[in-house]
Every structure is written in C-alpha cells, then in structure tokens.
Amino acid sequence: TTVLALSQLVGLALALAATAALGSAPPNAADLAWGAAAGVCGAAGLAALYTALATTVVAVASPVAAVVGAVIPVALGVASGERPGTLAWAGIATALPAIVLLTAGPGSAPGSGSPRRAALLGAGAGVGFGLFFFAVSRTSPGSGLWPLVAARVSTISLVCLVAVVGGRSLRPARDGIGALLASGALDMGANIAFLLASRTGMLSVAAAVAALYPGPTVLLARIVLRERLTALRIAGLVLALA
C-alpha cells in the first residue's frame, strides 16, 4: 500500500510538471472522467496482482494477468471499429504466446494458495489493466496529459482510503526511497508513452506491444541479478522480438 500510494504521488507530480511545461488547455469533464475511471481500474488491477503475487502461485497468476490485460484492450479496440491489417494481426497473435512464455516461472512453495485462486486474481488484475488501457485511449488528444493527472488523483485517493480503513501506515522505509521515486517516475513515463501511442495509432496494436513489457524485465533480471534464462523465456524473447 505504501509503495503504491507514494509511487503514484511521484507520478502525479511528474504529470503536473509535464502538463504545465506543455501548456495544455483545461480538459473537459469527459476526459477527466475517463482518466479517473482509468485510475480506479489500474489501482484495482495492481491490488489484485499484488495479492496474487503475495498469496498464490505466481507461475499461474502472472501469465493470466499479462494475457488478459492484453486481450481486453485488443478486443475493445476492434469492437470500437479498429481494423488491424494482416501483418498487425500476425504480430498480435505472436505477442500472446510470447507474453505467456516470458511470464512463465517456477511454481511457488506448497501452501501458497490454490492455482484456481491464482488464476482468478490474475484474471482480475488483467481486467483492471486492460480497462485502464481502454479508458486512457478514449480521451481526446486536446486534453494533453490531464487524463493521467485525473487517473493519479483517483488512484491515490482510493489507496489512501483503503489504508485508512485498514489502519495501515503509509510511512516508507528510508532505504527504499530511491527505488520508490524511480518506480513512480518510470511508471508515469510509461503511461505517457502509452497515451501518446493510443492517440497516434490503434489501441489494439499499442496494447499488444505494451503487453510485451516482461521482455525487458527478463533481460534486466539476467543482466543485473544474474538470473538464468530458461528455455521458455528465451523462446518468449524470440517471439517478442518477432
């Protein structure tokens, strides 16, 4: 809860600074509403994912969350009238197994929760992420980054409410401040990039490419943490590159 709330606060500060630098015109109510809805969906997705990672079988929850989070915006994009070309459909079809392979990992220890609960929580996380992508893509180009400001405000409000009701402290550990600041800034940077991508092209394509984020994570784990690349993850990297 602390990491989520404070990292989102860092993202809010960055979004406000970027909005001021760009000199965006005040947004309309619809854009703010879509942004706020995106924030609620994203927060719900993160809560479900964190719960799954902490209490269930990670090897089940993570792939389900990633695939569902990709399929939903692709389906909603097509339903809203997008028509990807043949090559784009081939890329989307290749991305889905790549996501599964990249997020595949060893099973958790016995007693960490049932695979069914892991799948349900993973699906819930994926739905939240997918709806976040869709809601952000519905905002108008003239609104600038204001929808992301609204998203962060709604997320922070929701997380703080949960913390107050649950009696949880939001005071961060001192040795984690640097990582917290970096995660908040990088998260907002990624959201800005996705917002621009969805406004430039089709949501279905942008969402499929964005869902390949486990690829860089796997490579960083190899380079920084010296984790071994399994055959499945190597296959996932090859598909992701394709």
Protein backbone atom coordinates (compact mmCIF):
# COMPACT_ATOMS: atom_id res chain seq x y z
CA THR A 1 0.00 0.00 0.00
CA THR A 2 2.82 2.41 0.90
CA VAL A 3 4.77 1.72 -2.29
CA LEU A 4 1.65 2.05 -4.44
CA ALA A 5 0.43 5.29 -2.82
CA LEU A 6 3.77 7.10 -2.77
CA SER A 7 4.91 5.96 -6.21
CA GLN A 8 1.59 7.21 -7.60
CA LEU A 9 2.18 10.52 -5.80
CA VAL A 10 5.55 10.84 -7.56
CA GLY A 11 3.81 10.10 -10.86
CA LEU A 12 1.20 12.77 -10.13
CA ALA A 13 3.90 15.37 -9.50
CA LEU A 14 5.62 14.43 -12.77
CA ALA A 15 2.35 14.57 -14.73
CA LEU A 16 1.53 18.01 -13.31
CA ALA A 17 5.00 19.29 -14.16
CA ALA A 18 4.79 17.93 -17.71
CA THR A 19 1.29 19.38 -18.15
CA ALA A 20 2.49 22.81 -17.01
CA ALA A 21 5.50 22.63 -19.34
CA LEU A 22 3.30 21.71 -22.31
CA GLY A 23 0.79 24.44 -21.52
CA SER A 24 -2.21 22.19 -22.18
CA ALA A 25 -5.65 23.76 -22.23
CA PRO A 26 -8.05 22.85 -19.41
CA PRO A 27 -9.68 19.47 -20.16
CA ASN A 28 -13.39 18.82 -20.43
CA ALA A 29 -15.36 16.77 -17.93
CA ALA A 30 -15.46 13.69 -20.17
CA ASP A 31 -11.68 13.47 -20.43
CA LEU A 32 -11.29 13.84 -16.68
CA ALA A 33 -13.95 11.18 -16.12
CA TRP A 34 -12.17 8.73 -18.45
CA GLY A 35 -8.90 9.48 -16.65
CA ALA A 36 -10.42 8.95 -13.21
CA ALA A 37 -12.00 5.69 -14.36
CA ALA A 38 -8.63 4.57 -15.70
CA GLY A 39 -7.04 5.28 -12.33
CA VAL A 40 -9.62 3.22 -10.44
CA CYS A 41 -9.24 0.30 -12.89
CA GLY A 42 -5.45 0.45 -12.71
CA ALA A 43 -5.45 0.54 -8.90
CA ALA A 44 -7.83 -2.42 -8.73
CA GLY A 45 -5.61 -4.34 -11.15
CA LEU A 46 -2.48 -3.63 -9.11
CA ALA A 47 -4.21 -4.63 -5.88
CA ALA A 48 -5.31 -7.94 -7.40
CA LEU A 49 -1.85 -8.59 -8.84
CA TYR A 50 -0.02 -7.78 -5.59
CA THR A 51 -2.41 -10.03 -3.66
CA ALA A 52 -1.83 -12.83 -6.15
CA LEU A 53 1.95 -12.48 -6.04
CA ALA A 54 1.96 -12.47 -2.24
CA THR A 55 -0.51 -15.26 -1.52
CA THR A 56 -0.88 -17.57 -4.53
CA VAL A 57 1.02 -19.42 -7.24
CA VAL A 58 2.97 -16.76 -9.12
CA ALA A 59 3.55 -19.02 -12.14
CA VAL A 60 -0.22 -19.10 -12.67
CA ALA A 61 -1.25 -15.57 -11.71
CA SER A 62 1.40 -13.66 -13.68
CA PRO A 63 0.77 -15.15 -17.15
CA VAL A 64 -3.01 -14.91 -16.72
CA ALA A 65 -2.77 -11.24 -15.72
CA ALA A 66 -0.49 -10.40 -18.64
CA VAL A 67 -2.56 -12.19 -21.29
CA VAL A 68 -5.95 -10.95 -20.07
CA GLY A 69 -4.51 -7.44 -19.81
CA ALA A 70 -3.54 -7.67 -23.48
CA VAL A 71 -6.64 -9.40 -24.84
CA ILE A 72 -9.19 -6.99 -23.33
CA PRO A 73 -7.94 -3.75 -24.97
CA VAL A 74 -7.36 -5.58 -28.26
CA ALA A 75 -10.96 -6.86 -28.19
CA LEU A 76 -12.38 -3.49 -27.14
CA GLY A 77 -10.34 -1.71 -29.79
CA VAL A 78 -11.70 -4.00 -32.51
CA ALA A 79 -15.23 -3.68 -31.10
CA SER A 80 -14.94 0.11 -31.30
CA GLY A 81 -14.19 -0.06 -35.01
CA GLU A 82 -10.44 -0.63 -35.34
CA ARG A 83 -9.36 -2.90 -38.17
CA PRO A 84 -5.72 -4.01 -37.89
CA GLY A 85 -4.10 -5.26 -41.08
CA THR A 86 -2.97 -8.83 -41.68
CA LEU A 87 0.59 -8.18 -40.54
CA ALA A 88 -0.66 -6.43 -37.40
CA TRP A 89 -2.90 -9.41 -36.58
CA ALA A 90 0.07 -11.73 -37.07
CA GLY A 91 2.03 -9.60 -34.62
CA ILE A 92 -0.78 -9.64 -32.06
CA ALA A 93 -1.11 -13.42 -32.40
CA THR A 94 2.64 -13.79 -31.87
CA ALA A 95 2.64 -11.45 -28.87
CA LEU A 96 0.18 -13.51 -26.82
CA PRO A 97 2.28 -16.71 -26.57
CA ALA A 98 5.37 -14.52 -26.10
CA ILE A 99 3.74 -12.98 -23.01
CA VAL A 100 2.91 -16.41 -21.59
CA LEU A 101 6.45 -17.69 -22.10
CA LEU A 102 8.08 -14.54 -20.70
CA THR A 103 6.00 -14.66 -17.53
CA ALA A 104 6.31 -18.42 -17.05
CA GLY A 105 8.30 -19.31 -13.97
CA PRO A 106 8.79 -21.95 -11.32
CA GLY A 107 5.83 -22.85 -9.16
CA SER A 108 5.51 -21.45 -5.66
CA ALA A 109 6.04 -23.42 -2.50
CA PRO A 110 3.24 -25.68 -1.22
CA GLY A 111 0.60 -23.90 0.78
CA SER A 112 0.87 -20.66 -1.21
CA GLY A 113 -2.71 -20.84 -2.43
CA SER A 114 -4.69 -22.79 -4.99
CA PRO A 115 -4.00 -22.43 -8.72
CA ARG A 116 -7.69 -21.60 -9.19
CA ARG A 117 -7.45 -18.62 -6.84
CA ALA A 118 -4.23 -17.55 -8.55
CA ALA A 119 -5.96 -17.67 -11.93
CA LEU A 120 -8.95 -15.68 -10.66
CA LEU A 121 -6.78 -12.99 -9.10
CA GLY A 122 -4.59 -12.89 -12.20
CA ALA A 123 -7.67 -12.51 -14.39
CA GLY A 124 -8.93 -9.73 -12.14
CA ALA A 125 -5.60 -7.94 -12.44
CA GLY A 126 -5.66 -8.34 -16.21
CA VAL A 127 -9.19 -6.93 -16.42
CA GLY A 128 -8.10 -3.90 -14.40
CA PHE A 129 -5.06 -3.28 -16.59
CA GLY A 130 -6.99 -3.85 -19.81
CA LEU A 131 -9.73 -1.42 -18.82
CA PHE A 132 -7.07 1.11 -17.81
CA PHE A 133 -5.61 0.97 -21.33
CA PHE A 134 -9.07 1.30 -22.89
CA ALA A 135 -10.17 4.22 -20.69
CA VAL A 136 -6.95 6.16 -21.34
CA SER A 137 -7.35 5.65 -25.10
CA ARG A 138 -10.85 7.21 -25.02
CA THR A 139 -9.53 10.64 -24.06
CA SER A 140 -9.23 13.36 -26.67
CA PRO A 141 -5.82 14.47 -28.00
CA GLY A 142 -6.58 18.05 -26.99
CA SER A 143 -6.71 17.09 -23.32
CA GLY A 144 -2.93 16.66 -23.16
CA LEU A 145 -1.82 14.81 -20.05
CA TRP A 146 -4.73 15.91 -17.88
CA PRO A 147 -6.38 12.45 -18.03
CA LEU A 148 -3.26 10.96 -16.42
CA VAL A 149 -3.44 13.61 -13.69
CA ALA A 150 -7.04 12.59 -13.03
CA ALA A 151 -6.02 8.94 -13.06
CA ARG A 152 -3.35 9.52 -10.43
CA VAL A 153 -5.67 11.56 -8.23
CA SER A 154 -8.30 8.81 -8.25
CA THR A 155 -5.70 6.10 -7.62
CA ILE A 156 -4.10 7.94 -4.70
CA SER A 157 -7.50 8.70 -3.18
CA LEU A 158 -8.58 5.08 -3.44
CA VAL A 159 -5.34 3.69 -1.99
CA CYS A 160 -5.33 6.18 0.89
CA LEU A 161 -8.95 5.31 1.67
CA VAL A 162 -8.06 1.62 1.81
CA ALA A 163 -5.07 2.39 4.04
CA VAL A 164 -7.17 4.45 6.46
CA VAL A 165 -9.95 1.86 6.65
CA GLY A 166 -7.41 -0.93 7.14
CA GLY A 167 -5.36 1.04 9.67
CA ARG A 168 -2.18 0.78 7.59
CA SER A 169 0.73 3.19 7.77
CA LEU A 170 1.89 4.97 4.63
CA ARG A 171 5.36 5.78 6.00
CA PRO A 172 8.02 4.34 3.66
CA ALA A 173 11.23 2.64 4.73
CA ARG A 174 14.20 5.01 4.39
CA ASP A 175 16.29 2.56 2.39
CA GLY A 176 13.57 2.24 -0.24
CA ILE A 177 13.03 5.93 -1.05
CA GLY A 178 15.26 5.92 -4.13
CA ALA A 179 13.59 2.90 -5.68
CA LEU A 180 10.17 4.34 -4.86
CA LEU A 181 10.94 7.63 -6.61
CA ALA A 182 12.35 5.82 -9.62
CA SER A 183 9.38 3.47 -9.91
CA GLY A 184 6.90 6.35 -9.75
CA ALA A 185 8.74 8.34 -12.40
CA LEU A 186 9.21 5.38 -14.74
CA ASP A 187 5.59 4.31 -14.31
CA MET A 188 4.35 7.76 -15.30
CA GLY A 189 6.78 7.87 -18.22
CA ALA A 190 5.35 4.57 -19.46
CA ASN A 191 1.80 5.85 -19.08
CA ILE A 192 2.61 8.98 -21.05
CA ALA A 193 4.17 6.87 -23.80
CA PHE A 194 1.10 4.61 -23.96
CA LEU A 195 -1.27 7.59 -24.03
CA LEU A 196 0.60 9.07 -26.98
CA ALA A 197 0.74 5.67 -28.72
CA SER A 198 -3.01 5.12 -28.39
CA ARG A 199 -3.66 8.58 -29.84
CA THR A 200 -1.23 8.08 -32.71
CA GLY A 201 -2.37 4.63 -33.81
CA MET A 202 -4.75 1.84 -32.92
CA LEU A 203 -5.39 0.79 -29.33
CA SER A 204 -5.34 -2.89 -30.33
CA VAL A 205 -1.78 -2.61 -31.65
CA ALA A 206 -0.47 -0.31 -28.91
CA ALA A 207 -1.85 -2.58 -26.18
CA ALA A 208 -0.34 -5.72 -27.71
CA VAL A 209 3.10 -4.10 -27.92
CA ALA A 210 2.85 -2.62 -24.41
CA ALA A 211 1.94 -6.06 -23.03
CA LEU A 212 5.40 -7.29 -24.02
CA TYR A 213 6.88 -5.40 -21.05
CA PRO A 214 8.02 -8.67 -19.38
CA GLY A 215 10.71 -8.91 -22.11
CA PRO A 216 12.87 -6.04 -20.80
CA THR A 217 12.21 -7.27 -17.26
CA VAL A 218 13.61 -10.70 -18.11
CA LEU A 219 16.67 -9.15 -19.76
CA LEU A 220 17.30 -6.84 -16.79
CA ALA A 221 16.96 -9.77 -14.39
CA ARG A 222 19.62 -11.57 -16.41
CA ILE A 223 21.99 -8.58 -16.60
CA VAL A 224 21.53 -7.09 -13.11
CA LEU A 225 20.50 -10.05 -10.95
CA ARG A 226 22.33 -12.73 -12.96
CA GLU A 227 19.19 -14.83 -13.20
CA ARG A 228 19.38 -17.80 -15.53
CA LEU A 229 17.40 -17.56 -18.76
CA THR A 230 15.20 -20.64 -19.06
CA ALA A 231 14.39 -22.19 -22.42
CA LEU A 232 10.80 -20.95 -22.14
CA ARG A 233 11.87 -17.37 -21.54
CA ILE A 234 14.38 -17.47 -24.37
CA ALA A 235 11.57 -18.65 -26.65
CA GLY A 236 9.40 -15.80 -25.30
CA LEU A 237 12.13 -13.25 -26.07
CA VAL A 238 12.45 -14.57 -29.62
CA LEU A 239 8.69 -14.28 -30.18
CA ALA A 240 8.63 -10.81 -28.60
CA LEU A 241 11.38 -9.62 -30.93
CA ALA A 242 9.49 -11.05 -33.89
